[in-house]
Amino acid sequence: MINFHAIRAIFKFEMARTRRTLMQSIIAPVISTSLYFIVFGAAIGSRITEMEGVTYGAFIVPGLIMLSLLTQSIANASFGIYFPKFSGTIYEILSAPISAFEIILSYVGAAATKSIILGLIILATAEFFVPLRIDHPIWMLVYLLLTSVTFSLIGFIIGIWADGFEKLQIVPLLIITPLTFLGGSFYSISVLPLFWQKIALINPVVYLISGFRWSFYSIEDVNFWVSLSMTIGFLIVSIAIVSWIFKTGYRLKN
């Protein structure tokens, strides 16, 4: 039987931490993304009027939301599970009458919820800067959910793997952010030479951004169903890794 009391307790604790660090968790990412809208939408948008039939300022909105979503999902989940390891309270959680599934559901659910809230706030903020339309709102929400959960799981894995605060920043700063910038956040990969288009398809973030952008404007760099399948594939792999961690006790029981 699922221990909803334990899930609710951990979830509420993690969400309360967001309220205590509102500037860092919500306000700072929104301001940073707004600056992207101003710089790229106004400055570059005056030179690049349209991309695939969409104004440049509007074109970059899905990519910028995805950039914040990926980095914040990882940051929220990795710190959420790392801090109990750092303070030693992880042993109390592991010895409590709560299963691995319930622990994952609590921490990943809280991190994903924060990221979805942030994504929706950024989406609302974008309305003040560029004209937006969302052709497929249901799929847009599905992508928000899938991406938030998947990268919260990845952040959870990073939080367990990390043995110092500096390691929590390595993957977001050195891997996720560059992949997002190179994944079509600010351009369509169709403008690249054919060779670099093929290279770009190796980048997993291309599929996330392409599918998310399709939900807005019905334009895509990769077939939507391929993008959706790849996104679900990332989710399944992340679940498998987290399951292995709890099965083996990797960096949890020593």
C-alpha atoms as a PDB file:
ATOM      1  CA  MET A   1       0.000   0.000   0.000  1.00  0.00           C
ATOM      2  CA  ILE A   2       1.357   3.432  -0.939  1.00  0.00           C
ATOM      3  CA  ASN A   3       2.420   5.605   2.000  1.00  0.00           C
ATOM      4  CA  PHE A   4       0.744   8.850   0.933  1.00  0.00           C
ATOM      5  CA  HIS A   5       1.559  10.510   4.270  1.00  0.00           C
ATOM      6  CA  ALA A   6       5.303  10.103   3.681  1.00  0.00           C
ATOM      7  CA  ILE A   7       5.036  11.236   0.073  1.00  0.00           C
ATOM      8  CA  ARG A   8       3.079  14.322   1.104  1.00  0.00           C
ATOM      9  CA  ALA A   9       5.562  15.156   3.896  1.00  0.00           C
ATOM     10  CA  ILE A  10       8.622  15.071   1.605  1.00  0.00           C
ATOM     11  CA  PHE A  11       6.773  16.843  -1.200  1.00  0.00           C
ATOM     12  CA  LYS A  12       5.625  19.653   1.104  1.00  0.00           C
ATOM     13  CA  PHE A  13       9.131  20.017   2.553  1.00  0.00           C
ATOM     14  CA  GLU A  14      10.661  20.384  -0.921  1.00  0.00           C
ATOM     15  CA  MET A  15       8.021  22.861  -2.041  1.00  0.00           C
ATOM     16  CA  ALA A  16       8.521  24.871   1.161  1.00  0.00           C
ATOM     17  CA  ARG A  17      12.228  25.125   0.326  1.00  0.00           C
ATOM     18  CA  THR A  18      11.250  26.735  -2.973  1.00  0.00           C
ATOM     19  CA  ARG A  19       9.232  29.378  -1.130  1.00  0.00           C
ATOM     20  CA  ARG A  20      12.228  30.107   1.089  1.00  0.00           C
ATOM     21  CA  THR A  21      14.518  30.488  -1.937  1.00  0.00           C
ATOM     22  CA  LEU A  22      12.003  32.206  -4.222  1.00  0.00           C
ATOM     23  CA  MET A  23      14.576  34.596  -5.694  1.00  0.00           C
ATOM     24  CA  GLN A  24      16.919  31.788  -6.740  1.00  0.00           C
ATOM     25  CA  SER A  25      14.260  29.244  -7.727  1.00  0.00           C
ATOM     26  CA  ILE A  26      11.753  31.347  -9.661  1.00  0.00           C
ATOM     27  CA  ILE A  27      12.553  35.043  -9.963  1.00  0.00           C
ATOM     28  CA  ALA A  28      16.164  34.731 -11.191  1.00  0.00           C
ATOM     29  CA  PRO A  29      15.373  32.230 -14.013  1.00  0.00           C
ATOM     30  CA  VAL A  30      12.408  34.359 -15.144  1.00  0.00           C
ATOM     31  CA  ILE A  31      14.533  37.522 -15.227  1.00  0.00           C
ATOM     32  CA  SER A  32      17.347  35.722 -17.081  1.00  0.00           C
ATOM     33  CA  THR A  33      14.937  34.372 -19.690  1.00  0.00           C
ATOM     34  CA  SER A  34      13.318  37.804 -20.061  1.00  0.00           C
ATOM     35  CA  LEU A  35      16.742  39.214 -20.890  1.00  0.00           C
ATOM     36  CA  TYR A  36      17.057  36.610 -23.639  1.00  0.00           C
ATOM     37  CA  PHE A  37      13.721  37.790 -25.024  1.00  0.00           C
ATOM     38  CA  ILE A  38      14.921  41.396 -24.988  1.00  0.00           C
ATOM     39  CA  VAL A  39      18.391  40.769 -26.438  1.00  0.00           C
ATOM     40  CA  PHE A  40      17.604  38.084 -28.988  1.00  0.00           C
ATOM     41  CA  GLY A  41      14.008  39.050 -29.723  1.00  0.00           C
ATOM     42  CA  ALA A  42      14.623  42.770 -30.123  1.00  0.00           C
ATOM     43  CA  ALA A  43      18.260  43.089 -31.192  1.00  0.00           C
ATOM     44  CA  ILE A  44      18.622  40.006 -33.389  1.00  0.00           C
ATOM     45  CA  GLY A  45      14.929  39.887 -34.257  1.00  0.00           C
ATOM     46  CA  SER A  46      15.274  43.243 -35.995  1.00  0.00           C
ATOM     47  CA  ARG A  47      17.743  41.606 -38.406  1.00  0.00           C
ATOM     48  CA  ILE A  48      16.081  38.183 -38.662  1.00  0.00           C
ATOM     49  CA  THR A  49      12.430  39.043 -39.169  1.00  0.00           C
ATOM     50  CA  GLU A  50      11.099  35.495 -39.608  1.00  0.00           C
ATOM     51  CA  MET A  51      12.150  31.883 -39.295  1.00  0.00           C
ATOM     52  CA  GLU A  52       9.952  29.225 -40.921  1.00  0.00           C
ATOM     53  CA  GLY A  53       7.067  31.676 -41.107  1.00  0.00           C
ATOM     54  CA  VAL A  54       7.234  32.708 -37.433  1.00  0.00           C
ATOM     55  CA  THR A  55       8.656  35.970 -36.093  1.00  0.00           C
ATOM     56  CA  TYR A  56      12.110  35.341 -34.670  1.00  0.00           C
ATOM     57  CA  GLY A  57      11.160  36.552 -31.193  1.00  0.00           C
ATOM     58  CA  ALA A  58       8.285  34.066 -31.055  1.00  0.00           C
ATOM     59  CA  PHE A  59      10.390  31.300 -32.656  1.00  0.00           C
ATOM     60  CA  ILE A  60      12.896  31.234 -29.794  1.00  0.00           C
ATOM     61  CA  VAL A  61      10.280  31.086 -27.001  1.00  0.00           C
ATOM     62  CA  PRO A  62       9.975  27.248 -26.902  1.00  0.00           C
ATOM     63  CA  GLY A  63      13.766  26.876 -26.888  1.00  0.00           C
ATOM     64  CA  LEU A  64      14.184  29.356 -24.045  1.00  0.00           C
ATOM     65  CA  ILE A  65      11.461  27.699 -21.995  1.00  0.00           C
ATOM     66  CA  MET A  66      13.123  24.340 -22.603  1.00  0.00           C
ATOM     67  CA  LEU A  67      16.510  25.755 -21.551  1.00  0.00           C
ATOM     68  CA  SER A  68      15.094  26.889 -18.199  1.00  0.00           C
ATOM     69  CA  LEU A  69      13.077  23.697 -17.804  1.00  0.00           C
ATOM     70  CA  LEU A  70      16.063  21.392 -18.288  1.00  0.00           C
ATOM     71  CA  THR A  71      18.482  23.277 -16.061  1.00  0.00           C
ATOM     72  CA  GLN A  72      15.991  23.941 -13.261  1.00  0.00           C
ATOM     73  CA  SER A  73      14.631  20.373 -13.257  1.00  0.00           C
ATOM     74  CA  ILE A  74      18.144  19.038 -12.799  1.00  0.00           C
ATOM     75  CA  ALA A  75      19.075  21.657 -10.194  1.00  0.00           C
ATOM     76  CA  ASN A  76      15.921  21.163  -8.119  1.00  0.00           C
ATOM     77  CA  ALA A  77      16.092  17.377  -8.054  1.00  0.00           C
ATOM     78  CA  SER A  78      19.859  17.061  -7.607  1.00  0.00           C
ATOM     79  CA  PHE A  79      19.998  19.439  -4.638  1.00  0.00           C
ATOM     80  CA  GLY A  80      16.826  17.940  -3.178  1.00  0.00           C
ATOM     81  CA  ILE A  81      18.356  14.458  -2.808  1.00  0.00           C
ATOM     82  CA  TYR A  82      21.966  15.590  -2.299  1.00  0.00           C
ATOM     83  CA  PHE A  83      21.252  17.658   0.807  1.00  0.00           C
ATOM     84  CA  PRO A  84      19.883  14.669   2.807  1.00  0.00           C
ATOM     85  CA  LYS A  85      23.044  12.778   1.810  1.00  0.00           C
ATOM     86  CA  PHE A  86      25.207  15.705   2.895  1.00  0.00           C
ATOM     87  CA  SER A  87      23.432  16.126   6.245  1.00  0.00           C
ATOM     88  CA  GLY A  88      23.079  12.398   6.899  1.00  0.00           C
ATOM     89  CA  THR A  89      19.277  12.434   7.073  1.00  0.00           C
ATOM     90  CA  ILE A  90      19.160  10.126   4.017  1.00  0.00           C
ATOM     91  CA  TYR A  91      19.669   7.183   6.404  1.00  0.00           C
ATOM     92  CA  GLU A  92      16.557   8.135   8.342  1.00  0.00           C
ATOM     93  CA  ILE A  93      14.607   8.246   5.081  1.00  0.00           C
ATOM     94  CA  LEU A  94      15.972   4.868   3.946  1.00  0.00           C
ATOM     95  CA  SER A  95      15.162   3.265   7.301  1.00  0.00           C
ATOM     96  CA  ALA A  96      11.657   4.745   7.449  1.00  0.00           C
ATOM     97  CA  PRO A  97       8.604   2.732   6.284  1.00  0.00           C
ATOM     98  CA  ILE A  98       8.738   4.267   2.814  1.00  0.00           C
ATOM     99  CA  SER A  99       9.603   2.434  -0.384  1.00  0.00           C
ATOM    100  CA  ALA A 100      12.098   3.440  -3.075  1.00  0.00           C
ATOM    101  CA  PHE A 101       9.173   4.232  -5.393  1.00  0.00           C
ATOM    102  CA  GLU A 102       7.684   6.590  -2.814  1.00  0.00           C
ATOM    103  CA  ILE A 103      11.027   8.334  -2.234  1.00  0.00           C
ATOM    104  CA  ILE A 104      11.501   8.851  -5.975  1.00  0.00           C
ATOM    105  CA  LEU A 105       7.902   9.980  -6.424  1.00  0.00           C
ATOM    106  CA  SER A 106       8.289  12.547  -3.627  1.00  0.00           C
ATOM    107  CA  TYR A 107      11.568  14.147  -4.676  1.00  0.00           C
ATOM    108  CA  VAL A 108      11.104  13.899  -8.449  1.00  0.00           C
ATOM    109  CA  GLY A 109       7.455  14.970  -8.187  1.00  0.00           C
ATOM    110  CA  ALA A 110       8.403  18.087  -6.217  1.00  0.00           C
ATOM    111  CA  ALA A 111      11.238  18.990  -8.622  1.00  0.00           C
ATOM    112  CA  ALA A 112       9.024  18.455 -11.676  1.00  0.00           C
ATOM    113  CA  THR A 113       6.215  20.524 -10.134  1.00  0.00           C
ATOM    114  CA  LYS A 114       8.587  23.447  -9.544  1.00  0.00           C
ATOM    115  CA  SER A 115       9.865  23.228 -13.120  1.00  0.00           C
ATOM    116  CA  ILE A 116       6.377  23.123 -14.624  1.00  0.00           C
ATOM    117  CA  ILE A 117       5.355  26.167 -12.569  1.00  0.00           C
ATOM    118  CA  LEU A 118       8.498  27.972 -13.739  1.00  0.00           C
ATOM    119  CA  GLY A 119       7.844  27.015 -17.373  1.00  0.00           C
ATOM    120  CA  LEU A 120       4.288  28.343 -17.217  1.00  0.00           C
ATOM    121  CA  ILE A 121       5.465  31.597 -15.605  1.00  0.00           C
ATOM    122  CA  ILE A 122       8.066  32.075 -18.349  1.00  0.00           C
ATOM    123  CA  LEU A 123       5.407  31.320 -20.965  1.00  0.00           C
ATOM    124  CA  ALA A 124       3.134  33.986 -19.452  1.00  0.00           C
ATOM    125  CA  THR A 125       6.064  36.429 -19.286  1.00  0.00           C
ATOM    126  CA  ALA A 126       6.848  35.860 -22.962  1.00  0.00           C
ATOM    127  CA  GLU A 127       3.412  37.239 -23.851  1.00  0.00           C
ATOM    128  CA  PHE A 128       4.669  40.689 -22.813  1.00  0.00           C
ATOM    129  CA  PHE A 129       7.562  40.551 -25.291  1.00  0.00           C
ATOM    130  CA  VAL A 130       6.431  38.634 -28.374  1.00  0.00           C
ATOM    131  CA  PRO A 131       3.171  37.581 -30.067  1.00  0.00           C
ATOM    132  CA  LEU A 132       2.573  33.925 -29.208  1.00  0.00           C
ATOM    133  CA  ARG A 133       0.281  31.210 -30.392  1.00  0.00           C
ATOM    134  CA  ILE A 134      -0.060  27.623 -29.213  1.00  0.00           C
ATOM    135  CA  ASP A 135      -1.497  25.364 -31.914  1.00  0.00           C
ATOM    136  CA  HIS A 136      -1.496  22.218 -29.767  1.00  0.00           C
ATOM    137  CA  PRO A 137      -1.906  23.200 -26.090  1.00  0.00           C
ATOM    138  CA  ILE A 138      -2.466  19.615 -24.885  1.00  0.00           C
ATOM    139  CA  TRP A 139       0.765  18.421 -26.463  1.00  0.00           C
ATOM    140  CA  MET A 140       2.543  21.487 -25.089  1.00  0.00           C
ATOM    141  CA  LEU A 141       1.499  20.477 -21.556  1.00  0.00           C
ATOM    142  CA  VAL A 142       2.428  16.843 -22.242  1.00  0.00           C
ATOM    143  CA  TYR A 143       5.918  17.939 -23.298  1.00  0.00           C
ATOM    144  CA  LEU A 144       6.246  20.154 -20.240  1.00  0.00           C
ATOM    145  CA  LEU A 145       5.342  17.200 -18.031  1.00  0.00           C
ATOM    146  CA  LEU A 146       7.509  14.623 -19.811  1.00  0.00           C
ATOM    147  CA  THR A 147      10.549  16.894 -19.943  1.00  0.00           C
ATOM    148  CA  SER A 148      10.210  18.030 -16.331  1.00  0.00           C
ATOM    149  CA  VAL A 149       9.865  14.478 -15.015  1.00  0.00           C
ATOM    150  CA  THR A 150      12.673  13.098 -17.206  1.00  0.00           C
ATOM    151  CA  PHE A 151      15.212  15.743 -16.275  1.00  0.00           C
ATOM    152  CA  SER A 152      14.148  15.712 -12.637  1.00  0.00           C
ATOM    153  CA  LEU A 153      15.020  12.002 -12.700  1.00  0.00           C
ATOM    154  CA  ILE A 154      18.367  12.869 -14.295  1.00  0.00           C
ATOM    155  CA  GLY A 155      18.907  15.484 -11.572  1.00  0.00           C
ATOM    156  CA  PHE A 156      18.018  12.862  -8.948  1.00  0.00           C
ATOM    157  CA  ILE A 157      20.679  10.572 -10.426  1.00  0.00           C
ATOM    158  CA  ILE A 158      23.236  13.408 -10.398  1.00  0.00           C
ATOM    159  CA  GLY A 159      22.399  14.231  -6.766  1.00  0.00           C
ATOM    160  CA  ILE A 160      23.075  10.639  -5.737  1.00  0.00           C
ATOM    161  CA  TRP A 161      26.252  10.425  -7.829  1.00  0.00           C
ATOM    162  CA  ALA A 162      27.725  13.732  -6.629  1.00  0.00           C
ATOM    163  CA  ASP A 163      30.036  13.696  -3.611  1.00  0.00           C
ATOM    164  CA  GLY A 164      30.414  17.482  -3.447  1.00  0.00           C
ATOM    165  CA  PHE A 165      28.383  20.604  -4.166  1.00  0.00           C
ATOM    166  CA  GLU A 166      30.595  21.504  -7.128  1.00  0.00           C
ATOM    167  CA  LYS A 167      29.659  18.253  -8.911  1.00  0.00           C
ATOM    168  CA  LEU A 168      26.003  19.261  -8.838  1.00  0.00           C
ATOM    169  CA  GLN A 169      26.871  22.032 -11.331  1.00  0.00           C
ATOM    170  CA  ILE A 170      29.068  20.034 -13.709  1.00  0.00           C
ATOM    171  CA  VAL A 171      26.368  18.366 -15.811  1.00  0.00           C
ATOM    172  CA  PRO A 172      24.008  21.397 -16.103  1.00  0.00           C
ATOM    173  CA  LEU A 173      26.810  23.862 -16.911  1.00  0.00           C
ATOM    174  CA  LEU A 174      29.129  21.744 -19.049  1.00  0.00           C
ATOM    175  CA  ILE A 175      26.669  19.408 -20.764  1.00  0.00           C
ATOM    176  CA  ILE A 176      22.994  20.424 -20.632  1.00  0.00           C
ATOM    177  CA  THR A 177      23.358  24.153 -21.328  1.00  0.00           C
ATOM    178  CA  PRO A 178      25.732  23.719 -24.340  1.00  0.00           C
ATOM    179  CA  LEU A 179      23.537  20.938 -25.771  1.00  0.00           C
ATOM    180  CA  THR A 180      20.487  23.186 -25.448  1.00  0.00           C
ATOM    181  CA  PHE A 181      22.191  26.104 -27.189  1.00  0.00           C
ATOM    182  CA  LEU A 182      23.331  23.731 -29.965  1.00  0.00           C
ATOM    183  CA  GLY A 183      19.963  21.963 -30.084  1.00  0.00           C
ATOM    184  CA  GLY A 184      18.049  24.586 -32.033  1.00  0.00           C
ATOM    185  CA  SER A 185      16.986  26.940 -29.249  1.00  0.00           C
ATOM    186  CA  PHE A 186      17.782  30.016 -31.350  1.00  0.00           C
ATOM    187  CA  TYR A 187      17.606  28.589 -34.855  1.00  0.00           C
ATOM    188  CA  SER A 188      16.212  25.773 -36.946  1.00  0.00           C
ATOM    189  CA  ILE A 189      18.763  23.079 -37.705  1.00  0.00           C
ATOM    190  CA  SER A 190      17.449  23.175 -41.300  1.00  0.00           C
ATOM    191  CA  VAL A 191      19.550  26.336 -41.825  1.00  0.00           C
ATOM    192  CA  LEU A 192      22.726  24.338 -41.154  1.00  0.00           C
ATOM    193  CA  PRO A 193      24.759  22.652 -43.897  1.00  0.00           C
ATOM    194  CA  LEU A 194      23.638  19.053 -44.515  1.00  0.00           C
ATOM    195  CA  PHE A 195      26.658  17.561 -42.724  1.00  0.00           C
ATOM    196  CA  TRP A 196      25.994  19.592 -39.552  1.00  0.00           C
ATOM    197  CA  GLN A 197      22.301  18.759 -39.696  1.00  0.00           C
ATOM    198  CA  LYS A 198      23.230  15.079 -39.390  1.00  0.00           C
ATOM    199  CA  ILE A 199      25.635  15.859 -36.556  1.00  0.00           C
ATOM    200  CA  ALA A 200      22.924  17.876 -34.790  1.00  0.00           C
ATOM    201  CA  LEU A 201      20.634  14.839 -34.761  1.00  0.00           C
ATOM    202  CA  ILE A 202      23.065  13.159 -32.357  1.00  0.00           C
ATOM    203  CA  ASN A 203      22.142  15.831 -29.814  1.00  0.00           C
ATOM    204  CA  PRO A 204      19.204  14.491 -27.735  1.00  0.00           C
ATOM    205  CA  VAL A 205      18.007  18.012 -26.881  1.00  0.00           C
ATOM    206  CA  VAL A 206      17.182  18.607 -30.577  1.00  0.00           C
ATOM    207  CA  TYR A 207      14.271  16.181 -30.245  1.00  0.00           C
ATOM    208  CA  LEU A 208      12.968  17.857 -27.088  1.00  0.00           C
ATOM    209  CA  ILE A 209      13.044  21.354 -28.576  1.00  0.00           C
ATOM    210  CA  SER A 210      11.672  20.241 -31.953  1.00  0.00           C
ATOM    211  CA  GLY A 211       8.687  18.478 -30.390  1.00  0.00           C
ATOM    212  CA  PHE A 212       8.023  21.350 -28.013  1.00  0.00           C
ATOM    213  CA  ARG A 213       8.230  23.947 -30.802  1.00  0.00           C
ATOM    214  CA  TRP A 214       5.824  21.878 -32.912  1.00  0.00           C
ATOM    215  CA  SER A 215       3.251  22.128 -30.116  1.00  0.00           C
ATOM    216  CA  PHE A 216       3.431  25.923 -30.504  1.00  0.00           C
ATOM    217  CA  TYR A 217       3.696  26.577 -34.244  1.00  0.00           C
ATOM    218  CA  SER A 218       3.281  23.195 -36.002  1.00  0.00           C
ATOM    219  CA  ILE A 219       6.839  23.460 -37.344  1.00  0.00           C
ATOM    220  CA  GLU A 220       9.490  20.863 -36.632  1.00  0.00           C
ATOM    221  CA  ASP A 221      13.110  19.976 -37.283  1.00  0.00           C
ATOM    222  CA  VAL A 222      12.369  16.305 -36.586  1.00  0.00           C
ATOM    223  CA  ASN A 223       9.107  14.438 -37.111  1.00  0.00           C
ATOM    224  CA  PHE A 224       6.919  15.001 -34.042  1.00  0.00           C
ATOM    225  CA  TRP A 225       6.340  11.319 -33.368  1.00  0.00           C
ATOM    226  CA  VAL A 226      10.072  10.640 -33.541  1.00  0.00           C
ATOM    227  CA  SER A 227      10.649  13.479 -31.059  1.00  0.00           C
ATOM    228  CA  LEU A 228       7.943  12.141 -28.740  1.00  0.00           C
ATOM    229  CA  SER A 229       9.341   8.602 -28.942  1.00  0.00           C
ATOM    230  CA  MET A 230      12.844   9.845 -28.130  1.00  0.00           C
ATOM    231  CA  THR A 231      11.530  11.857 -25.178  1.00  0.00           C
ATOM    232  CA  ILE A 232       9.701   8.824 -23.780  1.00  0.00           C
ATOM    233  CA  GLY A 233      12.853   6.779 -24.393  1.00  0.00           C
ATOM    234  CA  PHE A 234      14.916   9.215 -22.269  1.00  0.00           C
ATOM    235  CA  LEU A 235      12.290   8.867 -19.530  1.00  0.00           C
ATOM    236  CA  ILE A 236      12.428   5.054 -19.590  1.00  0.00           C
ATOM    237  CA  VAL A 237      16.239   5.028 -19.454  1.00  0.00           C
ATOM    238  CA  SER A 238      16.201   7.468 -16.504  1.00  0.00           C
ATOM    239  CA  ILE A 239      13.675   5.300 -14.630  1.00  0.00           C
ATOM    240  CA  ALA A 240      15.821   2.215 -15.277  1.00  0.00           C
ATOM    241  CA  ILE A 241      18.953   3.924 -13.888  1.00  0.00           C
ATOM    242  CA  VAL A 242      17.150   5.158 -10.764  1.00  0.00           C
ATOM    243  CA  SER A 243      15.712   1.671 -10.199  1.00  0.00           C
ATOM    244  CA  TRP A 244      19.202   0.199 -10.462  1.00  0.00           C
ATOM    245  CA  ILE A 245      20.535   2.727  -7.954  1.00  0.00           C
ATOM    246  CA  PHE A 246      17.987   1.719  -5.325  1.00  0.00           C
ATOM    247  CA  LYS A 247      18.380  -1.970  -6.099  1.00  0.00           C
ATOM    248  CA  THR A 248      22.150  -1.857  -5.619  1.00  0.00           C
ATOM    249  CA  GLY A 249      22.304   0.928  -3.040  1.00  0.00           C
ATOM    250  CA  TYR A 250      24.824   2.819  -5.173  1.00  0.00           C
ATOM    251  CA  ARG A 251      26.145   5.759  -3.107  1.00  0.00           C
ATOM    252  CA  LEU A 252      23.156   5.504  -0.797  1.00  0.00           C
ATOM    253  CA  LYS A 253      24.163   2.834   1.689  1.00  0.00           C
ATOM    254  CA  ASN A 254      27.827   3.693   2.143  1.00  0.00           C
END
